[in-house]
């Protein structure tokens, strides 16, 4: 099944804090929640369009939320975008969406959100799948990475245009062939609605010291050419978690699930079926 053939059902959940979280879903079976990363124009459906159909075909209920500040969800201005803000609003939306237990799949910031959710509520998370997860280094280390430095400096302001969007999203991959016009346009339409606070006022903690608390099975992926999250972070999980395995790929950037989509889908589905 190709991504374009997947029929997604949309829902919006208004939270107690009056924010709205947008969710798309498809399929039936155990819930698999895909949590996207940060960056101009990111959304659940956009970031995982090469993955969702395979998981639906494999018998899973695929859930694609847009984090607060992203996609079609609320984009408040003048606030700090903290990990607790991302985690708490997503958890509340999933509860309203009828998700009682889930497998969490998170990339970058979404990986940090998944880790925090698993630490907050271990019984809610049956397994974790992480692709170059964030929130395991100090914030300053991330903002010194070349990809993040370019993303923050290039986003927002009157000069932000379609070509700047293309440049920023191309930084996420090793091979630019994975970035097409449709993806750039889709993300640009979202990015135009995002306040600069989404990136400039992001505040995330370093959760590395707590990774040993993750008792559920963990599967991880990392590209050796990642300019956003240093791949040395894989060792933190391997050294701390009771049940963790990581795969690394050469000539792959920050988006393993895009650049190696077929392998990511196959290995992850095998892991979920164990």
Foldseek 3Di string as FASTA:
>chain_A
DALVVFDWDKDWDQDPVRWIKIKIKDAADAEEEEFEADFFQDFQCLQQSLFRVLVRVLGYIYMTIGFDLHDPIDADPDDFAELCSRQVVVVRVVVVVVQQAHAYEYAACGLVSVVVNCVVPVRRHQEYEYFLYDQQDAPVVQCPQPLNVLRLVLADDPPNDLVSLLVNVCLQWLDSVLDDSVSSVNSNVGSVVGDSSSRVRYDGHNCLVVLLVNAHAYEYEYECAERRHHPVCQVSNVVRHPHYDYYYDYSTYRRCCRVVVVVVNVVVSVVVVD
